[in-house]
Structure formats: C-alpha cells, structure tokens
C-alpha cells in the first residue's frame, strides 16, 4: 500500500451486520490492523475502494476513517487522500539542543525549510522578553516536515546586535544555537520555556495544515547568555496530532529522606 495507486495490503473482511458493534466500528477495527503494518506516510485506500471492498456507504467509510483520525493514527490531506500518521517525535525540555535533534532522535527523515528571513520593527508579535535598543529584530521563520506532513513552524526573533552577525546563508544551513555561538562566541546558559494552547496564527495556518483546529500547541523559548542577556526568542507552533512535549523532573527530597506532605483542612 506504499504505492498510492495500489492497495495490496487490504484483504476482504466479512462484516457482521447483526453484531451489536456498529459497522463503521468494525471497519475501523480492521483498518487499525492494516495501518499497523504500513510505513508512516503511506496512503490508505480511497473511500471508493473501501466502499467497494466492504459493500458499505460513504458515510460509514468516513465515520470509520474519522475514528482513526481522532486517535492520531491517520491524517487527511486535502485533495491528496488519507495517510498513515508518521512517527510522533518527542520534544524533551530538559536540555538546550537544536530542534532538529528531536526528529533525529526519533529516526525520522525530516525536511527543514526556510520560509522567511527578514528584518522588522518590534511589535506585539515579538515576545516581550526580547529587548532591542534600536527597535529592530531579525526574524527567521522555519518549517519542519516529514513524509510530506508539516510538524512544526518556528519563528525565531533575534535582537539586532546579534542578528547583524547572522546571514541568510547561516539561517539556511545551521541551527540558530549553532549560529549564535559561532558568530558571536556567546555561550548559551539557560532557557525559559512556556507551553500554551493558542489560536493558529492566520499567516501560518495553511503551512501547518491546521485550519479547522481551534487551538494548537505553542512553545515560547527565551535563551539567555551567562549574564542573563536575551540571545534569542523562538515561538514554535506544533501540529496538534504530530508532536509530544515532555519534561523529566526530580523531587527535592534527598536520598533516604521521606517526602513532606502538607495538608490543609477544608
């Protein structure tokens, strides 16, 4: 079923019309088994093929597919069909690392694309933590996709005194962390990260394929130097069904010490 024009993995299943399990759910259960055998990014049979295969209506087929879409196993691409969701990368928040490492760690072949490189005056779209003496900031907008599916778009805001050292070629080739360290010799000390749900920005909705979603995950990262100076602010929007954000935290309890539990009477 890797070939979009053929459906070799689909076998006929006999649906139990008198079963208490709805027909669409029976079809969905069969598709789950089929999807588990396919490569991420593979296209599943068309609605017409499934209708012919099972002798069911288009409404039933669509309900079955929607069941798997909601579970994050399938994804629809307008005008192209329905595809197996590619592997879900995991963004760990425990260390400062280039964003591409998230995909590399998941073993994914990922395309990083430069959408925009421009200078602009600081306005309300720029994170408040970013300070620029001359009111100018460099904006680098990047997309991250795998198997033709958009996973995230990052908007990187850089103060002018750092941005003037970063060329278009730098932005195209390297991670922003690598560029900042190479061009300014400023070490990265720490980052402050906030994760929220946010309405998809109009200028990114099509590129991230999130029209129809009321909210999408938004991660704002402010990277600081050794003296607390802001080196960059990145705002990343993720597709809701294609990403996980995780963090590992440790207790403050020392080894051998019992945790203190405080209770309040209500």
C-alpha atoms as a PDB file:
ATOM      1  CA  UNK A   1       0.000   0.000   0.000  1.00  0.00           C
ATOM      2  CA  UNK A   2       3.068   2.217  -0.218  1.00  0.00           C
ATOM      3  CA  UNK A   3       2.246   2.846  -3.859  1.00  0.00           C
ATOM      4  CA  UNK A   4      -0.529   5.413  -3.875  1.00  0.00           C
ATOM      5  CA  UNK A   5      -2.140   3.778  -6.911  1.00  0.00           C
ATOM      6  CA  UNK A   6      -2.498   0.295  -5.433  1.00  0.00           C
ATOM      7  CA  UNK A   7      -3.888  -1.326  -2.304  1.00  0.00           C
ATOM      8  CA  UNK A   8      -2.028  -4.658  -1.929  1.00  0.00           C
ATOM      9  CA  UNK A   9      -2.331  -4.734   1.875  1.00  0.00           C
ATOM     10  CA  UNK A  10      -6.148  -4.656   2.017  1.00  0.00           C
ATOM     11  CA  UNK A  11      -7.879  -8.019   2.466  1.00  0.00           C
ATOM     12  CA  UNK A  12     -11.624  -8.722   2.431  1.00  0.00           C
ATOM     13  CA  UNK A  13     -13.193  -8.977   5.859  1.00  0.00           C
ATOM     14  CA  UNK A  14     -16.704 -10.281   6.419  1.00  0.00           C
ATOM     15  CA  UNK A  15     -18.698  -7.696   8.343  1.00  0.00           C
ATOM     16  CA  UNK A  16     -21.234  -8.947  10.854  1.00  0.00           C
ATOM     17  CA  UNK A  17     -24.327  -6.945  10.044  1.00  0.00           C
ATOM     18  CA  UNK A  18     -26.236  -8.328  13.049  1.00  0.00           C
ATOM     19  CA  UNK A  19     -23.421  -7.591  15.502  1.00  0.00           C
ATOM     20  CA  UNK A  20     -24.029  -5.141  18.370  1.00  0.00           C
ATOM     21  CA  UNK A  21     -20.810  -3.441  17.215  1.00  0.00           C
ATOM     22  CA  UNK A  22     -21.608  -0.743  14.658  1.00  0.00           C
ATOM     23  CA  UNK A  23     -20.483  -1.463  11.101  1.00  0.00           C
ATOM     24  CA  UNK A  24     -18.293   1.646  10.967  1.00  0.00           C
ATOM     25  CA  UNK A  25     -16.528   0.490  14.140  1.00  0.00           C
ATOM     26  CA  UNK A  26     -15.920  -2.956  12.648  1.00  0.00           C
ATOM     27  CA  UNK A  27     -14.337  -1.316   9.602  1.00  0.00           C
ATOM     28  CA  UNK A  28     -12.277   0.945  11.861  1.00  0.00           C
ATOM     29  CA  UNK A  29     -11.008  -2.099  13.792  1.00  0.00           C
ATOM     30  CA  UNK A  30      -9.931  -3.752  10.551  1.00  0.00           C
ATOM     31  CA  UNK A  31      -8.192  -0.579   9.397  1.00  0.00           C
ATOM     32  CA  UNK A  32      -6.279  -0.333  12.678  1.00  0.00           C
ATOM     33  CA  UNK A  33      -4.747  -3.729  11.934  1.00  0.00           C
ATOM     34  CA  UNK A  34      -3.945  -2.710   8.362  1.00  0.00           C
ATOM     35  CA  UNK A  35      -2.457   0.634   9.395  1.00  0.00           C
ATOM     36  CA  UNK A  36      -0.149  -1.057  11.919  1.00  0.00           C
ATOM     37  CA  UNK A  37       1.541  -2.881   9.011  1.00  0.00           C
ATOM     38  CA  UNK A  38       2.143   0.173   6.855  1.00  0.00           C
ATOM     39  CA  UNK A  39       5.039   2.568   6.675  1.00  0.00           C
ATOM     40  CA  UNK A  40       4.427   6.047   8.115  1.00  0.00           C
ATOM     41  CA  UNK A  41       3.260   8.372   5.358  1.00  0.00           C
ATOM     42  CA  UNK A  42       1.638   5.575   3.312  1.00  0.00           C
ATOM     43  CA  UNK A  43      -1.709   6.365   1.744  1.00  0.00           C
ATOM     44  CA  UNK A  44      -4.629   4.129   2.671  1.00  0.00           C
ATOM     45  CA  UNK A  45      -7.237   3.024   0.115  1.00  0.00           C
ATOM     46  CA  UNK A  46      -9.635   5.637  -1.186  1.00  0.00           C
ATOM     47  CA  UNK A  47     -13.145   5.960   0.174  1.00  0.00           C
ATOM     48  CA  UNK A  48     -14.441   4.427  -3.057  1.00  0.00           C
ATOM     49  CA  UNK A  49     -12.150   1.396  -2.669  1.00  0.00           C
ATOM     50  CA  UNK A  50     -13.334   0.801   0.884  1.00  0.00           C
ATOM     51  CA  UNK A  51     -16.952   1.212  -0.160  1.00  0.00           C
ATOM     52  CA  UNK A  52     -16.485  -1.448  -2.865  1.00  0.00           C
ATOM     53  CA  UNK A  53     -14.445  -3.733  -0.612  1.00  0.00           C
ATOM     54  CA  UNK A  54     -16.979  -3.846   2.186  1.00  0.00           C
ATOM     55  CA  UNK A  55     -20.202  -3.008   0.387  1.00  0.00           C
ATOM     56  CA  UNK A  56     -20.903  -0.059   2.660  1.00  0.00           C
ATOM     57  CA  UNK A  57     -21.926   3.563   2.237  1.00  0.00           C
ATOM     58  CA  UNK A  58     -19.603   6.546   2.011  1.00  0.00           C
ATOM     59  CA  UNK A  59     -20.997   7.813   5.325  1.00  0.00           C
ATOM     60  CA  UNK A  60     -19.959   4.586   7.062  1.00  0.00           C
ATOM     61  CA  UNK A  61     -16.487   4.710   5.492  1.00  0.00           C
ATOM     62  CA  UNK A  62     -15.981   8.300   6.590  1.00  0.00           C
ATOM     63  CA  UNK A  63     -17.065   7.516  10.166  1.00  0.00           C
ATOM     64  CA  UNK A  64     -14.573   4.631  10.273  1.00  0.00           C
ATOM     65  CA  UNK A  65     -11.736   6.793   8.973  1.00  0.00           C
ATOM     66  CA  UNK A  66     -12.622   9.661  11.304  1.00  0.00           C
ATOM     67  CA  UNK A  67     -12.346   7.246  14.240  1.00  0.00           C
ATOM     68  CA  UNK A  68      -8.698   6.638  13.347  1.00  0.00           C
ATOM     69  CA  UNK A  69      -8.048  10.302  12.594  1.00  0.00           C
ATOM     70  CA  UNK A  70      -9.250  11.235  16.083  1.00  0.00           C
ATOM     71  CA  UNK A  71      -6.919   8.583  17.549  1.00  0.00           C
ATOM     72  CA  UNK A  72      -3.990  10.134  15.694  1.00  0.00           C
ATOM     73  CA  UNK A  73      -3.377   7.060  13.512  1.00  0.00           C
ATOM     74  CA  UNK A  74      -4.430   8.659  10.235  1.00  0.00           C
ATOM     75  CA  UNK A  75      -4.300  12.140   8.826  1.00  0.00           C
ATOM     76  CA  UNK A  76      -6.251  13.674   5.957  1.00  0.00           C
ATOM     77  CA  UNK A  77      -4.552  15.854   3.365  1.00  0.00           C
ATOM     78  CA  UNK A  78      -6.957  17.923   1.357  1.00  0.00           C
ATOM     79  CA  UNK A  79      -7.008  16.896  -2.281  1.00  0.00           C
ATOM     80  CA  UNK A  80      -4.487  14.063  -1.728  1.00  0.00           C
ATOM     81  CA  UNK A  81      -6.150  11.427   0.418  1.00  0.00           C
ATOM     82  CA  UNK A  82      -5.754   9.874   3.862  1.00  0.00           C
ATOM     83  CA  UNK A  83      -2.352   8.783   5.120  1.00  0.00           C
ATOM     84  CA  UNK A  84      -0.792   6.868   7.987  1.00  0.00           C
ATOM     85  CA  UNK A  85       0.436   9.358  10.553  1.00  0.00           C
ATOM     86  CA  UNK A  86       4.207   9.490  10.587  1.00  0.00           C
ATOM     87  CA  UNK A  87       6.089   8.704  13.764  1.00  0.00           C
ATOM     88  CA  UNK A  88       5.363  11.119  16.578  1.00  0.00           C
ATOM     89  CA  UNK A  89       8.579  12.925  17.596  1.00  0.00           C
ATOM     90  CA  UNK A  90       9.084  13.875  21.237  1.00  0.00           C
ATOM     91  CA  UNK A  91      10.459  17.267  22.258  1.00  0.00           C
ATOM     92  CA  UNK A  92      12.278  16.999  25.589  1.00  0.00           C
ATOM     93  CA  UNK A  93      12.581  20.184  27.627  1.00  0.00           C
ATOM     94  CA  UNK A  94      15.465  19.050  29.839  1.00  0.00           C
ATOM     95  CA  UNK A  95      18.364  20.450  27.816  1.00  0.00           C
ATOM     96  CA  UNK A  96      19.261  23.126  25.313  1.00  0.00           C
ATOM     97  CA  UNK A  97      19.530  21.448  21.928  1.00  0.00           C
ATOM     98  CA  UNK A  98      18.793  22.221  18.265  1.00  0.00           C
ATOM     99  CA  UNK A  99      15.203  21.493  17.319  1.00  0.00           C
ATOM    100  CA  UNK A 100      16.267  19.076  14.568  1.00  0.00           C
ATOM    101  CA  UNK A 101      17.666  16.723  17.230  1.00  0.00           C
ATOM    102  CA  UNK A 102      14.079  15.930  18.180  1.00  0.00           C
ATOM    103  CA  UNK A 103      13.481  14.372  14.767  1.00  0.00           C
ATOM    104  CA  UNK A 104      16.905  12.732  14.551  1.00  0.00           C
ATOM    105  CA  UNK A 105      16.326  11.002  17.880  1.00  0.00           C
ATOM    106  CA  UNK A 106      13.037   9.625  16.525  1.00  0.00           C
ATOM    107  CA  UNK A 107      14.824   8.230  13.461  1.00  0.00           C
ATOM    108  CA  UNK A 108      12.803  10.450  11.131  1.00  0.00           C
ATOM    109  CA  UNK A 109      13.851  11.860   7.791  1.00  0.00           C
ATOM    110  CA  UNK A 110      12.905  15.484   8.239  1.00  0.00           C
ATOM    111  CA  UNK A 111      12.988  18.459   5.932  1.00  0.00           C
ATOM    112  CA  UNK A 112      13.830  21.838   7.434  1.00  0.00           C
ATOM    113  CA  UNK A 113      12.720  24.689   5.225  1.00  0.00           C
ATOM    114  CA  UNK A 114      13.433  28.400   5.473  1.00  0.00           C
ATOM    115  CA  UNK A 115      10.152  30.239   4.978  1.00  0.00           C
ATOM    116  CA  UNK A 116      11.337  33.747   5.716  1.00  0.00           C
ATOM    117  CA  UNK A 117      14.385  35.794   6.703  1.00  0.00           C
ATOM    118  CA  UNK A 118      13.654  39.453   7.312  1.00  0.00           C
ATOM    119  CA  UNK A 119      14.231  42.498   9.481  1.00  0.00           C
ATOM    120  CA  UNK A 120      11.260  44.151  11.149  1.00  0.00           C
ATOM    121  CA  UNK A 121      10.435  46.723  13.789  1.00  0.00           C
ATOM    122  CA  UNK A 122       9.499  45.255  17.116  1.00  0.00           C
ATOM    123  CA  UNK A 123       5.724  44.990  17.523  1.00  0.00           C
ATOM    124  CA  UNK A 124       3.229  42.950  19.534  1.00  0.00           C
ATOM    125  CA  UNK A 125       4.083  39.806  17.581  1.00  0.00           C
ATOM    126  CA  UNK A 126       7.592  39.833  19.082  1.00  0.00           C
ATOM    127  CA  UNK A 127       7.936  38.203  22.530  1.00  0.00           C
ATOM    128  CA  UNK A 128       8.054  40.871  25.224  1.00  0.00           C
ATOM    129  CA  UNK A 129      11.243  39.429  26.736  1.00  0.00           C
ATOM    130  CA  UNK A 130      13.257  40.295  23.651  1.00  0.00           C
ATOM    131  CA  UNK A 131      14.921  43.683  24.030  1.00  0.00           C
ATOM    132  CA  UNK A 132      16.378  45.573  21.068  1.00  0.00           C
ATOM    133  CA  UNK A 133      17.870  49.018  21.574  1.00  0.00           C
ATOM    134  CA  UNK A 134      17.119  50.211  18.038  1.00  0.00           C
ATOM    135  CA  UNK A 135      13.662  48.571  17.909  1.00  0.00           C
ATOM    136  CA  UNK A 136      14.752  46.238  15.076  1.00  0.00           C
ATOM    137  CA  UNK A 137      14.708  42.456  15.244  1.00  0.00           C
ATOM    138  CA  UNK A 138      15.758  39.739  12.816  1.00  0.00           C
ATOM    139  CA  UNK A 139      13.003  37.218  12.143  1.00  0.00           C
ATOM    140  CA  UNK A 140      13.780  33.732  10.839  1.00  0.00           C
ATOM    141  CA  UNK A 141      10.760  31.528  10.114  1.00  0.00           C
ATOM    142  CA  UNK A 142      11.328  27.795   9.577  1.00  0.00           C
ATOM    143  CA  UNK A 143       9.155  24.782   8.829  1.00  0.00           C
ATOM    144  CA  UNK A 144       9.769  21.172   9.848  1.00  0.00           C
ATOM    145  CA  UNK A 145       8.112  18.343   7.925  1.00  0.00           C
ATOM    146  CA  UNK A 146       8.462  14.614   7.416  1.00  0.00           C
ATOM    147  CA  UNK A 147       6.923  12.393   4.731  1.00  0.00           C
ATOM    148  CA  UNK A 148       5.220  15.490   3.369  1.00  0.00           C
ATOM    149  CA  UNK A 149       3.490  16.201   6.656  1.00  0.00           C
ATOM    150  CA  UNK A 150       4.109  19.541   8.483  1.00  0.00           C
ATOM    151  CA  UNK A 151       5.010  19.026  12.124  1.00  0.00           C
ATOM    152  CA  UNK A 152       6.003  22.474  13.323  1.00  0.00           C
ATOM    153  CA  UNK A 153       6.783  26.038  12.323  1.00  0.00           C
ATOM    154  CA  UNK A 154       9.263  28.061  14.335  1.00  0.00           C
ATOM    155  CA  UNK A 155       9.501  31.860  14.380  1.00  0.00           C
ATOM    156  CA  UNK A 156      12.891  32.931  15.688  1.00  0.00           C
ATOM    157  CA  UNK A 157      13.293  36.522  16.911  1.00  0.00           C
ATOM    158  CA  UNK A 158      16.829  37.840  17.375  1.00  0.00           C
ATOM    159  CA  UNK A 159      17.888  41.258  18.761  1.00  0.00           C
ATOM    160  CA  UNK A 160      19.646  43.458  16.223  1.00  0.00           C
ATOM    161  CA  UNK A 161      23.074  43.447  17.919  1.00  0.00           C
ATOM    162  CA  UNK A 162      23.160  39.660  17.427  1.00  0.00           C
ATOM    163  CA  UNK A 163      21.125  39.473  14.238  1.00  0.00           C
ATOM    164  CA  UNK A 164      23.568  41.616  12.267  1.00  0.00           C
ATOM    165  CA  UNK A 165      26.090  38.776  12.549  1.00  0.00           C
ATOM    166  CA  UNK A 166      23.676  36.223  11.033  1.00  0.00           C
ATOM    167  CA  UNK A 167      23.438  35.963   7.255  1.00  0.00           C
ATOM    168  CA  UNK A 168      20.763  34.381   5.113  1.00  0.00           C
ATOM    169  CA  UNK A 169      23.187  31.534   4.380  1.00  0.00           C
ATOM    170  CA  UNK A 170      23.630  30.949   8.115  1.00  0.00           C
ATOM    171  CA  UNK A 171      19.878  30.775   8.587  1.00  0.00           C
ATOM    172  CA  UNK A 172      19.517  28.276   5.753  1.00  0.00           C
ATOM    173  CA  UNK A 173      22.263  25.901   6.843  1.00  0.00           C
ATOM    174  CA  UNK A 174      22.553  25.817  10.615  1.00  0.00           C
ATOM    175  CA  UNK A 175      20.559  25.712  13.825  1.00  0.00           C
ATOM    176  CA  UNK A 176      20.125  29.085  15.485  1.00  0.00           C
ATOM    177  CA  UNK A 177      22.015  27.852  18.548  1.00  0.00           C
ATOM    178  CA  UNK A 178      24.998  26.907  16.399  1.00  0.00           C
ATOM    179  CA  UNK A 179      24.887  30.224  14.545  1.00  0.00           C
ATOM    180  CA  UNK A 180      24.752  32.323  17.708  1.00  0.00           C
ATOM    181  CA  UNK A 181      27.680  30.505  19.278  1.00  0.00           C
ATOM    182  CA  UNK A 182      29.779  30.536  16.109  1.00  0.00           C
ATOM    183  CA  UNK A 183      29.112  34.143  15.089  1.00  0.00           C
ATOM    184  CA  UNK A 184      29.056  35.883  18.463  1.00  0.00           C
ATOM    185  CA  UNK A 185      31.055  33.471  20.662  1.00  0.00           C
ATOM    186  CA  UNK A 186      28.316  33.866  23.267  1.00  0.00           C
ATOM    187  CA  UNK A 187      27.711  30.692  25.296  1.00  0.00           C
ATOM    188  CA  UNK A 188      24.175  29.515  25.904  1.00  0.00           C
ATOM    189  CA  UNK A 189      23.479  29.494  29.622  1.00  0.00           C
ATOM    190  CA  UNK A 190      19.831  28.544  30.054  1.00  0.00           C
ATOM    191  CA  UNK A 191      16.375  28.912  28.553  1.00  0.00           C
ATOM    192  CA  UNK A 192      12.975  29.846  29.869  1.00  0.00           C
ATOM    193  CA  UNK A 193      10.156  27.850  28.244  1.00  0.00           C
ATOM    194  CA  UNK A 194       6.408  28.345  28.302  1.00  0.00           C
ATOM    195  CA  UNK A 195       3.931  25.962  26.661  1.00  0.00           C
ATOM    196  CA  UNK A 196       0.364  27.087  25.991  1.00  0.00           C
ATOM    197  CA  UNK A 197      -2.530  26.384  23.658  1.00  0.00           C
ATOM    198  CA  UNK A 198      -3.059  29.155  21.147  1.00  0.00           C
ATOM    199  CA  UNK A 199      -5.294  30.004  18.225  1.00  0.00           C
ATOM    200  CA  UNK A 200      -3.430  29.179  14.997  1.00  0.00           C
ATOM    201  CA  UNK A 201      -1.917  32.375  13.556  1.00  0.00           C
ATOM    202  CA  UNK A 202      -3.559  33.239  10.266  1.00  0.00           C
ATOM    203  CA  UNK A 203      -0.241  33.555   8.433  1.00  0.00           C
ATOM    204  CA  UNK A 204       0.793  30.013   9.463  1.00  0.00           C
ATOM    205  CA  UNK A 205      -2.500  28.111   9.339  1.00  0.00           C
ATOM    206  CA  UNK A 206      -2.112  26.808   5.789  1.00  0.00           C
ATOM    207  CA  UNK A 207       1.593  25.974   6.040  1.00  0.00           C
ATOM    208  CA  UNK A 208       0.980  23.989   9.256  1.00  0.00           C
ATOM    209  CA  UNK A 209      -2.238  22.457   7.881  1.00  0.00           C
ATOM    210  CA  UNK A 210      -4.232  23.433  10.973  1.00  0.00           C
ATOM    211  CA  UNK A 211      -7.262  25.151   9.523  1.00  0.00           C
ATOM    212  CA  UNK A 212     -10.202  23.693  11.370  1.00  0.00           C
ATOM    213  CA  UNK A 213      -8.322  23.478  14.681  1.00  0.00           C
ATOM    214  CA  UNK A 214      -9.472  25.991  17.270  1.00  0.00           C
ATOM    215  CA  UNK A 215      -6.190  25.743  19.193  1.00  0.00           C
ATOM    216  CA  UNK A 216      -2.669  24.426  18.618  1.00  0.00           C
ATOM    217  CA  UNK A 217       0.284  23.902  20.994  1.00  0.00           C
ATOM    218  CA  UNK A 218       2.575  26.924  21.218  1.00  0.00           C
ATOM    219  CA  UNK A 219       6.033  26.772  22.795  1.00  0.00           C
ATOM    220  CA  UNK A 220       7.864  30.010  23.575  1.00  0.00           C
ATOM    221  CA  UNK A 221      11.560  29.692  24.381  1.00  0.00           C
ATOM    222  CA  UNK A 222      13.803  32.520  25.538  1.00  0.00           C
ATOM    223  CA  UNK A 223      17.506  31.654  25.501  1.00  0.00           C
ATOM    224  CA  UNK A 224      19.767  33.557  27.891  1.00  0.00           C
ATOM    225  CA  UNK A 225      23.510  34.129  27.999  1.00  0.00           C
ATOM    226  CA  UNK A 226      25.819  33.870  31.019  1.00  0.00           C
ATOM    227  CA  UNK A 227      24.840  37.326  32.276  1.00  0.00           C
ATOM    228  CA  UNK A 228      21.112  36.910  31.740  1.00  0.00           C
ATOM    229  CA  UNK A 229      21.056  38.726  28.402  1.00  0.00           C
ATOM    230  CA  UNK A 230      18.469  37.545  25.874  1.00  0.00           C
ATOM    231  CA  UNK A 231      20.151  35.877  22.901  1.00  0.00           C
ATOM    232  CA  UNK A 232      17.008  34.817  21.031  1.00  0.00           C
ATOM    233  CA  UNK A 233      13.301  34.145  21.439  1.00  0.00           C
ATOM    234  CA  UNK A 234      11.657  31.344  19.469  1.00  0.00           C
ATOM    235  CA  UNK A 235       7.931  30.771  19.186  1.00  0.00           C
ATOM    236  CA  UNK A 236       7.102  27.324  17.792  1.00  0.00           C
ATOM    237  CA  UNK A 237       3.643  26.190  16.736  1.00  0.00           C
ATOM    238  CA  UNK A 238       3.060  22.424  16.544  1.00  0.00           C
ATOM    239  CA  UNK A 239       0.502  20.398  14.701  1.00  0.00           C
ATOM    240  CA  UNK A 240      -1.751  19.044  17.490  1.00  0.00           C
ATOM    241  CA  UNK A 241      -1.646  15.442  16.240  1.00  0.00           C
ATOM    242  CA  UNK A 242       2.002  15.176  15.328  1.00  0.00           C
ATOM    243  CA  UNK A 243       4.090  16.019  18.352  1.00  0.00           C
ATOM    244  CA  UNK A 244       4.721  15.290  22.016  1.00  0.00           C
ATOM    245  CA  UNK A 245       6.338  17.652  24.503  1.00  0.00           C
ATOM    246  CA  UNK A 246       7.885  16.069  27.584  1.00  0.00           C
ATOM    247  CA  UNK A 247       9.984  17.004  30.576  1.00  0.00           C
ATOM    248  CA  UNK A 248      11.676  14.966  33.281  1.00  0.00           C
ATOM    249  CA  UNK A 249      11.581  16.427  36.766  1.00  0.00           C
ATOM    250  CA  UNK A 250      13.207  15.352  40.003  1.00  0.00           C
ATOM    251  CA  UNK A 251      11.911  15.594  43.529  1.00  0.00           C
ATOM    252  CA  UNK A 252      13.598  17.894  46.014  1.00  0.00           C
ATOM    253  CA  UNK A 253      13.683  15.045  48.514  1.00  0.00           C
ATOM    254  CA  UNK A 254      17.198  13.892  49.372  1.00  0.00           C
ATOM    255  CA  UNK A 255      18.045  10.173  49.216  1.00  0.00           C
ATOM    256  CA  UNK A 256      16.724   8.391  52.284  1.00  0.00           C
ATOM    257  CA  UNK A 257      14.532  11.318  53.278  1.00  0.00           C
ATOM    258  CA  UNK A 258      10.785  10.899  53.410  1.00  0.00           C
ATOM    259  CA  UNK A 259       8.820  13.458  51.387  1.00  0.00           C
ATOM    260  CA  UNK A 260       6.934  16.012  53.429  1.00  0.00           C
ATOM    261  CA  UNK A 261       3.250  16.132  52.665  1.00  0.00           C
ATOM    262  CA  UNK A 262       1.284  19.170  53.720  1.00  0.00           C
ATOM    263  CA  UNK A 263      -2.464  19.007  54.038  1.00  0.00           C
ATOM    264  CA  UNK A 264      -5.000  21.694  54.589  1.00  0.00           C
ATOM    265  CA  UNK A 265      -8.322  21.241  56.324  1.00  0.00           C
ATOM    266  CA  UNK A 266     -11.263  22.212  54.171  1.00  0.00           C
END
